[in-house]
Amino acid sequence: MAVAENLEGLIQLLQPGRLEKLHFVRLIWTPGLAVARTIVVGAERFVTDTGHALGQHWFGAGIDVLEDLIVAEATRLKSPTWSHPELIARLKGKENREADRFAAGMF
C-alpha cells in the first residue's frame, strides 16, 4: 500500500534487493495526492491498531482487506475513487468531449 504520482518510479524504488520482479496488484486512483495520502494514512492506522502490521509491512492483512479499508476511508472522506479501467474510460471520455468541442469550433 503506497501513494505515488510516478508508478514506474515507485516500482524502481522498491525493486532493489528483491529476487522476484515486483508488480502492482491493484491500482486505486484518487482526485489528488493529498486525498490519496489521507486515505492511506487512515487505512495504515486501522491495520496497525488491529495488530495486522509489522512496521510498515501489512503481512496480516490480505489485498481484499486493504482494498476494503481504502474504499472505507475514501467513503469516510466523501471522496471518489476509480479503478484503473474506470480511470482510463473517464480520461477517454474527457478526451472525446474535448475533441467534439474543438470540432464544433468551441475552444
Protein backbone atom coordinates (compact mmCIF):
# COMPACT_ATOMS: atom_id res chain seq x y z
CA MET A 1 0.00 0.00 0.00
CA ALA A 2 1.61 3.23 -1.15
CA VAL A 3 0.89 6.64 -2.63
CA ALA A 4 2.66 7.69 -5.81
CA GLU A 5 2.47 10.19 -8.63
CA ASN A 6 5.04 8.21 -10.62
CA LEU A 7 4.17 4.49 -10.63
CA GLU A 8 7.26 3.44 -12.59
CA GLY A 9 9.45 5.38 -10.17
CA LEU A 10 7.80 3.69 -7.19
CA ILE A 11 8.44 0.20 -8.60
CA GLN A 12 12.08 1.09 -9.31
CA LEU A 13 12.47 2.39 -5.76
CA LEU A 14 11.02 -0.78 -4.23
CA GLN A 15 12.65 -3.35 -6.58
CA PRO A 16 16.31 -3.39 -5.39
CA GLY A 17 17.11 -6.33 -3.14
CA ARG A 18 14.17 -8.43 -4.29
CA LEU A 19 14.62 -11.53 -6.40
CA GLU A 20 11.13 -11.55 -7.89
CA LYS A 21 10.03 -8.78 -10.21
CA LEU A 22 7.56 -6.53 -8.43
CA HIS A 23 4.24 -5.56 -9.99
CA PHE A 24 1.09 -3.79 -8.93
CA VAL A 25 -1.77 -5.99 -7.82
CA ARG A 26 -4.38 -3.21 -7.60
CA LEU A 27 -4.40 0.46 -8.51
CA ILE A 28 -6.89 2.82 -6.95
CA TRP A 29 -6.91 6.36 -8.31
CA THR A 30 -7.98 9.37 -6.25
CA PRO A 31 -8.59 13.04 -7.07
CA GLY A 32 -5.11 14.13 -5.99
CA LEU A 33 -2.14 13.20 -3.85
CA ALA A 34 -3.43 14.86 -0.68
CA VAL A 35 -6.58 12.73 -0.80
CA ALA A 36 -4.55 9.58 -1.52
CA ARG A 37 -2.22 10.27 1.40
CA THR A 38 -5.12 10.88 3.78
CA ILE A 39 -6.79 7.63 2.68
CA VAL A 40 -3.62 5.57 3.05
CA VAL A 41 -2.77 7.06 6.46
CA GLY A 42 -6.24 6.16 7.72
CA ALA A 43 -6.01 2.62 6.34
CA GLU A 44 -2.50 2.18 7.79
CA ARG A 45 -3.70 3.38 11.18
CA PHE A 46 -6.52 0.83 11.19
CA VAL A 47 -4.22 -2.04 10.15
CA THR A 48 -1.69 -1.06 12.83
CA ASP A 49 -4.34 -0.59 15.54
CA THR A 50 -5.79 -4.05 14.84
CA GLY A 51 -2.38 -5.74 15.09
CA HIS A 52 -2.01 -6.69 11.43
CA ALA A 53 1.07 -4.58 10.76
CA LEU A 54 4.75 -5.20 11.33
CA GLY A 55 6.43 -1.84 10.93
CA GLN A 56 5.44 -0.55 7.50
CA HIS A 57 4.50 -4.02 6.26
CA TRP A 58 0.98 -5.44 6.30
CA PHE A 59 1.68 -9.17 6.47
CA GLY A 60 -1.51 -10.00 8.33
CA ALA A 61 -3.87 -8.14 6.01
CA GLY A 62 -4.85 -9.58 2.64
CA ILE A 63 -5.20 -7.50 -0.52
CA ASP A 64 -9.01 -7.60 -0.35
CA VAL A 65 -8.95 -6.32 3.25
CA LEU A 66 -6.58 -3.49 2.28
CA GLU A 67 -8.76 -2.55 -0.68
CA ASP A 68 -11.86 -2.55 1.56
CA LEU A 69 -10.03 -0.28 4.02
CA ILE A 70 -9.10 2.13 1.26
CA VAL A 71 -12.68 2.22 -0.02
CA ALA A 72 -13.96 2.75 3.55
CA GLU A 73 -11.52 5.64 4.13
CA ALA A 74 -12.49 7.23 0.79
CA THR A 75 -16.16 6.89 1.73
CA ARG A 76 -15.49 8.48 5.11
CA LEU A 77 -13.84 11.40 3.30
CA LYS A 78 -16.69 11.51 0.73
CA SER A 79 -14.03 11.20 -1.96
CA PRO A 80 -14.46 9.36 -5.23
CA THR A 81 -12.00 6.64 -6.23
CA TRP A 82 -11.54 4.88 -9.55
CA SER A 83 -10.11 1.55 -10.59
CA HIS A 84 -7.52 1.67 -13.37
CA PRO A 85 -10.04 0.68 -16.10
CA GLU A 86 -12.55 3.23 -14.76
CA LEU A 87 -9.94 6.00 -14.86
CA ILE A 88 -8.89 5.11 -18.42
CA ALA A 89 -12.55 5.19 -19.55
CA ARG A 90 -13.04 8.51 -17.76
CA LEU A 91 -9.99 10.05 -19.44
CA LYS A 92 -11.01 8.74 -22.88
CA GLY A 93 -14.48 10.24 -22.39
CA LYS A 94 -12.97 13.59 -21.44
CA GLU A 95 -10.66 13.46 -24.46
CA ASN A 96 -13.61 12.69 -26.77
CA ARG A 97 -15.70 15.56 -25.33
CA GLU A 98 -12.79 17.98 -25.85
CA ALA A 99 -12.33 16.76 -29.43
CA ASP A 100 -16.05 17.23 -30.09
CA ARG A 101 -15.94 20.79 -28.70
CA PHE A 102 -12.87 21.56 -30.83
CA ALA A 103 -14.58 20.17 -33.94
CA ALA A 104 -17.63 22.33 -33.19
CA GLY A 105 -15.39 25.39 -33.00
CA MET A 106 -15.69 25.83 -29.24
CA PHE A 107 -12.29 26.17 -27.64
